Amino acid sequence: QVQLVESGGGLVQPGGSLRLSCAASINIFSFNPMGWYRQAPGKQRELVATIYRDGTTNYVNSVKGRFTISRDNVKNTVYLQMNNLKPEDTAVYSCNGKRVLATIWGQGTQVTVSS
C-alpha cells in the first residue's frame, strides 16, 4: 500500500521556523507532482507548494519568500521548510502525491503559530 507520512509539526512562536517532512513508501518520482496543502479551522484546504518531477516548484503568494519545498531522492522524502512563521500559517498541513490513477494523501500534521 502506498503511503505518505508527515512529521515535523508543532507549536512555534511568530517569526520562528519549522521543517515538515513527508516520507513516501515508494520512490517519490512515482508522483508528479508532490505538494503540501494546509487547512485552517473553518477554511477551505489551500495548496501551499508543489514540486514537479523536473524540479519545478510553485508557491501560493502568501508563503513566497518564507517557505521552501524540496526533496531528498535517496530518502524518498519531500520537505517544507517554513521560516518567519505567522499566526495565519496555523493549520493542519498535509502532503499529497499525484500518480496516474490515484492521488495519495498523508494523514496531516498540526502547525500552530502562537505566542
C-alpha atoms as a PDB file:
ATOM      1  CA  GLN A   1       0.000   0.000   0.000  1.00  0.00           C
ATOM      2  CA  VAL A   2       1.357   3.386  -0.994  1.00  0.00           C
ATOM      3  CA  GLN A   3       1.693   5.705   1.986  1.00  0.00           C
ATOM      4  CA  LEU A   4       2.766   9.256   2.733  1.00  0.00           C
ATOM      5  CA  VAL A   5       3.657  10.050   6.337  1.00  0.00           C
ATOM      6  CA  GLU A   6       4.121  13.620   7.545  1.00  0.00           C
ATOM      7  CA  SER A   7       6.098  14.750  10.560  1.00  0.00           C
ATOM      8  CA  GLY A   8       7.630  17.881  11.990  1.00  0.00           C
ATOM      9  CA  GLY A   9       4.612  19.899  13.046  1.00  0.00           C
ATOM     10  CA  GLY A  10       4.304  21.603  16.388  1.00  0.00           C
ATOM     11  CA  LEU A  11       3.906  24.841  18.279  1.00  0.00           C
ATOM     12  CA  VAL A  12       6.179  27.716  17.332  1.00  0.00           C
ATOM     13  CA  GLN A  13       6.272  31.420  18.122  1.00  0.00           C
ATOM     14  CA  PRO A  14       5.698  34.026  15.427  1.00  0.00           C
ATOM     15  CA  GLY A  15       8.885  34.537  13.465  1.00  0.00           C
ATOM     16  CA  GLY A  16      10.040  31.016  14.166  1.00  0.00           C
ATOM     17  CA  SER A  17      10.760  28.128  11.815  1.00  0.00           C
ATOM     18  CA  LEU A  18       9.674  24.544  11.301  1.00  0.00           C
ATOM     19  CA  ARG A  19      10.566  21.890   8.775  1.00  0.00           C
ATOM     20  CA  LEU A  20       7.880  19.428   7.758  1.00  0.00           C
ATOM     21  CA  SER A  21       8.764  16.061   6.265  1.00  0.00           C
ATOM     22  CA  CYS A  22       6.687  13.798   4.040  1.00  0.00           C
ATOM     23  CA  ALA A  23       8.118  10.305   3.748  1.00  0.00           C
ATOM     24  CA  ALA A  24       6.864   8.117   0.906  1.00  0.00           C
ATOM     25  CA  SER A  25       6.704   4.323   0.966  1.00  0.00           C
ATOM     26  CA  ILE A  26       7.722   4.239  -2.701  1.00  0.00           C
ATOM     27  CA  ASN A  27      10.059   6.173  -4.987  1.00  0.00           C
ATOM     28  CA  ILE A  28       8.909   9.797  -4.942  1.00  0.00           C
ATOM     29  CA  PHE A  29       9.458  10.035  -8.692  1.00  0.00           C
ATOM     30  CA  SER A  30       6.350   7.853  -8.938  1.00  0.00           C
ATOM     31  CA  PHE A  31       4.450  11.028  -8.146  1.00  0.00           C
ATOM     32  CA  ASN A  32       4.153  14.117 -10.294  1.00  0.00           C
ATOM     33  CA  PRO A  33       3.804  16.490  -8.671  1.00  0.00           C
ATOM     34  CA  MET A  34       4.061  16.268  -4.913  1.00  0.00           C
ATOM     35  CA  GLY A  35       2.638  19.063  -2.850  1.00  0.00           C
ATOM     36  CA  TRP A  36       1.890  20.487   0.547  1.00  0.00           C
ATOM     37  CA  TYR A  37      -1.624  21.628   1.417  1.00  0.00           C
ATOM     38  CA  ARG A  38      -2.983  23.215   4.548  1.00  0.00           C
ATOM     39  CA  GLN A  39      -6.390  23.653   6.112  1.00  0.00           C
ATOM     40  CA  ALA A  40      -7.143  26.083   8.893  1.00  0.00           C
ATOM     41  CA  PRO A  41     -10.268  25.751  11.063  1.00  0.00           C
ATOM     42  CA  GLY A  42     -13.324  26.974   9.191  1.00  0.00           C
ATOM     43  CA  LYS A  43     -11.406  27.466   5.948  1.00  0.00           C
ATOM     44  CA  GLN A  44     -11.033  25.545   2.725  1.00  0.00           C
ATOM     45  CA  ARG A  45      -7.958  23.479   2.064  1.00  0.00           C
ATOM     46  CA  GLU A  46      -5.275  25.507   0.331  1.00  0.00           C
ATOM     47  CA  LEU A  47      -2.416  24.427  -1.898  1.00  0.00           C
ATOM     48  CA  VAL A  48       0.782  25.816  -0.365  1.00  0.00           C
ATOM     49  CA  ALA A  49       3.617  24.474  -2.515  1.00  0.00           C
ATOM     50  CA  THR A  50       4.312  21.915  -5.210  1.00  0.00           C
ATOM     51  CA  ILE A  51       7.386  20.261  -6.649  1.00  0.00           C
ATOM     52  CA  TYR A  52       7.382  18.542 -10.015  1.00  0.00           C
ATOM     53  CA  ARG A  53       9.478  15.647 -11.191  1.00  0.00           C
ATOM     54  CA  ASP A  54      11.682  18.049 -13.168  1.00  0.00           C
ATOM     55  CA  GLY A  55      12.311  20.107 -10.046  1.00  0.00           C
ATOM     56  CA  THR A  56       9.966  22.982 -10.858  1.00  0.00           C
ATOM     57  CA  THR A  57       8.419  24.488  -7.737  1.00  0.00           C
ATOM     58  CA  ASN A  58       5.376  26.687  -7.187  1.00  0.00           C
ATOM     59  CA  TYR A  59       4.097  28.521  -4.124  1.00  0.00           C
ATOM     60  CA  VAL A  60       0.961  30.295  -3.053  1.00  0.00           C
ATOM     61  CA  ASN A  61       1.633  34.042  -2.860  1.00  0.00           C
ATOM     62  CA  SER A  62       1.206  34.226   0.908  1.00  0.00           C
ATOM     63  CA  VAL A  63       4.244  31.990   1.554  1.00  0.00           C
ATOM     64  CA  LYS A  64       6.601  33.094  -1.218  1.00  0.00           C
ATOM     65  CA  GLY A  65       9.973  34.046   0.214  1.00  0.00           C
ATOM     66  CA  ARG A  66       9.227  32.282   3.511  1.00  0.00           C
ATOM     67  CA  PHE A  67       8.573  28.626   2.600  1.00  0.00           C
ATOM     68  CA  THR A  68      10.720  26.288   0.541  1.00  0.00           C
ATOM     69  CA  ILE A  69       9.704  22.894  -0.821  1.00  0.00           C
ATOM     70  CA  SER A  70      12.499  20.429  -1.527  1.00  0.00           C
ATOM     71  CA  ARG A  71      13.120  16.703  -1.794  1.00  0.00           C
ATOM     72  CA  ASP A  72      15.642  14.013  -0.938  1.00  0.00           C
ATOM     73  CA  ASN A  73      15.517  11.383  -3.647  1.00  0.00           C
ATOM     74  CA  VAL A  74      17.505   8.861  -1.609  1.00  0.00           C
ATOM     75  CA  LYS A  75      15.233   9.129   1.424  1.00  0.00           C
ATOM     76  CA  ASN A  76      12.079   9.391  -0.728  1.00  0.00           C
ATOM     77  CA  THR A  77      11.101  12.403   1.324  1.00  0.00           C
ATOM     78  CA  VAL A  78       9.708  15.821   0.470  1.00  0.00           C
ATOM     79  CA  TYR A  79      10.251  18.715   2.861  1.00  0.00           C
ATOM     80  CA  LEU A  80       8.598  22.040   3.546  1.00  0.00           C
ATOM     81  CA  GLN A  81      10.929  24.490   5.244  1.00  0.00           C
ATOM     82  CA  MET A  82       8.850  27.217   6.841  1.00  0.00           C
ATOM     83  CA  ASN A  83      10.559  30.388   8.036  1.00  0.00           C
ATOM     84  CA  ASN A  84       9.248  33.613   9.539  1.00  0.00           C
ATOM     85  CA  LEU A  85       6.036  31.862  10.527  1.00  0.00           C
ATOM     86  CA  LYS A  86       2.938  33.930  11.161  1.00  0.00           C
ATOM     87  CA  PRO A  87      -0.204  33.182  13.193  1.00  0.00           C
ATOM     88  CA  GLU A  88      -2.132  32.911   9.933  1.00  0.00           C
ATOM     89  CA  ASP A  89       0.055  29.936   8.964  1.00  0.00           C
ATOM     90  CA  THR A  90      -1.655  27.914  11.689  1.00  0.00           C
ATOM     91  CA  ALA A  91      -3.287  24.894  10.054  1.00  0.00           C
ATOM     92  CA  VAL A  92      -3.128  21.165   9.515  1.00  0.00           C
ATOM     93  CA  TYR A  93      -0.519  20.572   6.814  1.00  0.00           C
ATOM     94  CA  SER A  94      -0.849  17.539   4.560  1.00  0.00           C
ATOM     95  CA  CYS A  95       1.297  16.251   1.765  1.00  0.00           C
ATOM     96  CA  ASN A  96      -0.074  14.800  -1.411  1.00  0.00           C
ATOM     97  CA  GLY A  97       1.330  12.923  -4.368  1.00  0.00           C
ATOM     98  CA  LYS A  98      -0.342  12.529  -7.741  1.00  0.00           C
ATOM     99  CA  ARG A  99       0.006   9.326  -9.702  1.00  0.00           C
ATOM    100  CA  VAL A 100      -1.615   8.357 -12.991  1.00  0.00           C
ATOM    101  CA  LEU A 101      -4.551   6.544 -11.419  1.00  0.00           C
ATOM    102  CA  ALA A 102      -4.661   7.909  -7.898  1.00  0.00           C
ATOM    103  CA  THR A 103      -3.823  10.794  -5.598  1.00  0.00           C
ATOM    104  CA  ILE A 104      -2.275   9.794  -2.302  1.00  0.00           C
ATOM    105  CA  TRP A 105      -2.658  11.862   0.891  1.00  0.00           C
ATOM    106  CA  GLY A 106      -0.839  11.771   4.157  1.00  0.00           C
ATOM    107  CA  GLN A 107      -2.602  11.998   7.487  1.00  0.00           C
ATOM    108  CA  GLY A 108      -1.575  15.583   8.215  1.00  0.00           C
ATOM    109  CA  THR A 109       0.457  17.332  10.879  1.00  0.00           C
ATOM    110  CA  GLN A 110      -0.643  20.286  13.008  1.00  0.00           C
ATOM    111  CA  VAL A 111       1.286  23.542  12.850  1.00  0.00           C
ATOM    112  CA  THR A 112       0.372  26.179  15.419  1.00  0.00           C
ATOM    113  CA  VAL A 113       1.969  29.614  15.382  1.00  0.00           C
ATOM    114  CA  SER A 114       1.277  31.451  18.604  1.00  0.00           C
ATOM    115  CA  SER A 115       2.997  33.441  21.298  1.00  0.00           C
END
